[in-house]
Amino acid sequence: MACNEAGCIVQCSLCKRIQIAFGTTAVNFSINQYEQFSVHVKNTYLTCEHKGFPDLKMIQVSLNSEHISMVLTYNELSKLVHILTEAEIIMEATEILNDNTSSAYN
């Protein structure tokens, strides 16, 4: 669905689960979990500051377990937000196209 030099987001065409591979982390989400994660990441991005150190790993992003987090730099977080946004646009476009295709056959 979406990729950049830091990672990639893909969706299984059969089970519809979404996998994010970012840096050295790979996480598999249901659609609902993915949406929650995306909102969490974007809120973190909007509220955090790099305080002059955009390449210092100091931003913690919780995953779908209370015991596991990603620790990112501000620049990495920015790249993650970018691919999340790109993936969401592609998912919305795919949903619209699928809706239009299915209604065309009815």
Protein backbone atom coordinates (compact mmCIF):
# COMPACT_ATOMS: atom_id res chain seq x y z
CA MET A 1 0.00 0.00 0.00
CA ALA A 2 2.65 2.51 1.01
CA CYS A 3 6.44 2.54 1.32
CA ASN A 4 9.32 4.89 1.90
CA GLU A 5 12.99 4.42 2.74
CA ALA A 6 12.12 3.75 6.40
CA GLY A 7 9.35 1.21 6.02
CA CYS A 8 6.35 -0.27 4.33
CA ILE A 9 2.66 -0.91 5.01
CA VAL A 10 0.87 -3.80 3.31
CA GLN A 11 -2.58 -5.36 3.61
CA CYS A 12 -3.37 -9.02 3.09
CA SER A 13 -5.98 -9.35 0.35
CA LEU A 14 -7.44 -12.44 2.03
CA CYS A 15 -7.65 -11.67 5.76
CA LYS A 16 -7.40 -7.85 5.41
CA ARG A 17 -4.89 -7.60 8.27
CA ILE A 18 -2.34 -4.82 7.93
CA GLN A 19 1.39 -5.23 8.48
CA ILE A 20 3.70 -2.34 9.18
CA ALA A 21 7.41 -2.94 8.71
CA PHE A 22 9.26 0.10 9.95
CA GLY A 23 12.95 0.23 10.79
CA THR A 24 13.64 -3.02 12.62
CA THR A 25 10.04 -3.49 13.78
CA ALA A 26 7.25 -5.44 12.09
CA VAL A 27 3.74 -5.37 13.52
CA ASN A 28 0.56 -7.05 12.35
CA PHE A 29 -2.78 -5.31 13.04
CA SER A 30 -6.46 -5.88 12.48
CA ILE A 31 -8.06 -2.95 10.66
CA ASN A 32 -9.42 -1.57 13.94
CA GLN A 33 -6.04 -1.89 15.68
CA TYR A 34 -4.34 -0.23 12.71
CA GLU A 35 -6.73 2.72 12.83
CA GLN A 36 -6.12 3.14 16.57
CA PHE A 37 -2.36 2.93 16.06
CA SER A 38 -2.48 5.48 13.25
CA VAL A 39 -4.42 7.97 15.37
CA HIS A 40 -2.00 7.41 18.27
CA VAL A 41 1.06 7.97 16.06
CA LYS A 42 -0.39 11.12 14.49
CA ASN A 43 -1.35 12.54 17.89
CA THR A 44 2.14 11.80 19.18
CA TYR A 45 3.62 13.59 16.16
CA LEU A 46 1.40 16.64 16.70
CA THR A 47 2.23 16.92 20.38
CA CYS A 48 5.92 16.05 20.54
CA GLU A 49 8.88 18.33 20.04
CA HIS A 50 12.35 17.34 18.93
CA LYS A 51 13.91 20.04 21.13
CA GLY A 52 16.77 20.57 18.72
CA PHE A 53 17.60 16.87 18.40
CA PRO A 54 15.56 15.47 15.50
CA ASP A 55 17.79 12.37 15.23
CA LEU A 56 17.79 11.40 18.92
CA LYS A 57 15.72 8.30 19.73
CA MET A 58 13.52 9.70 22.47
CA ILE A 59 9.90 9.38 21.28
CA GLN A 60 8.03 6.34 22.55
CA VAL A 61 5.11 4.97 20.53
CA SER A 62 3.16 2.16 22.19
CA LEU A 63 2.19 -0.83 20.08
CA ASN A 64 -0.74 -3.20 20.56
CA SER A 65 0.77 -4.47 23.81
CA GLU A 66 1.36 -2.56 26.99
CA HIS A 67 4.84 -4.08 27.17
CA ILE A 68 6.11 -3.23 23.68
CA SER A 69 6.91 0.19 22.22
CA MET A 70 8.76 1.66 19.30
CA VAL A 71 11.38 4.25 20.20
CA LEU A 72 11.79 6.72 17.35
CA THR A 73 13.56 9.90 16.44
CA TYR A 74 11.45 12.87 15.43
CA ASN A 75 12.57 12.33 11.82
CA GLU A 76 11.57 8.64 11.95
CA LEU A 77 8.21 9.57 13.45
CA SER A 78 7.68 12.02 10.60
CA LYS A 79 8.39 9.27 8.05
CA LEU A 80 6.01 6.91 9.84
CA VAL A 81 3.24 9.52 9.80
CA HIS A 82 3.88 10.01 6.08
CA ILE A 83 3.45 6.33 5.16
CA LEU A 84 0.44 5.96 7.50
CA THR A 85 -1.23 8.89 5.74
CA GLU A 86 -0.35 7.52 2.31
CA ALA A 87 -1.71 4.07 3.23
CA GLU A 88 -4.96 5.57 4.52
CA ILE A 89 -5.48 7.48 1.29
CA ILE A 90 -4.93 4.29 -0.71
CA MET A 91 -7.29 2.34 1.57
CA GLU A 92 -10.01 4.98 1.17
CA ALA A 93 -9.57 5.06 -2.61
CA THR A 94 -9.71 1.26 -2.79
CA GLU A 95 -12.88 1.23 -0.70
CA ILE A 96 -14.50 3.82 -2.97
CA LEU A 97 -13.51 1.89 -6.08
CA ASN A 98 -14.80 -1.37 -4.61
CA ASP A 99 -18.09 0.30 -3.67
CA ASN A 100 -18.46 1.74 -7.17
CA THR A 101 -17.59 -1.59 -8.78
CA SER A 102 -20.05 -3.57 -6.66
CA SER A 103 -22.86 -1.04 -7.22
CA ALA A 104 -22.21 -1.14 -10.98
CA TYR A 105 -23.06 -4.87 -10.95
CA ASN A 106 -26.28 -4.46 -8.96
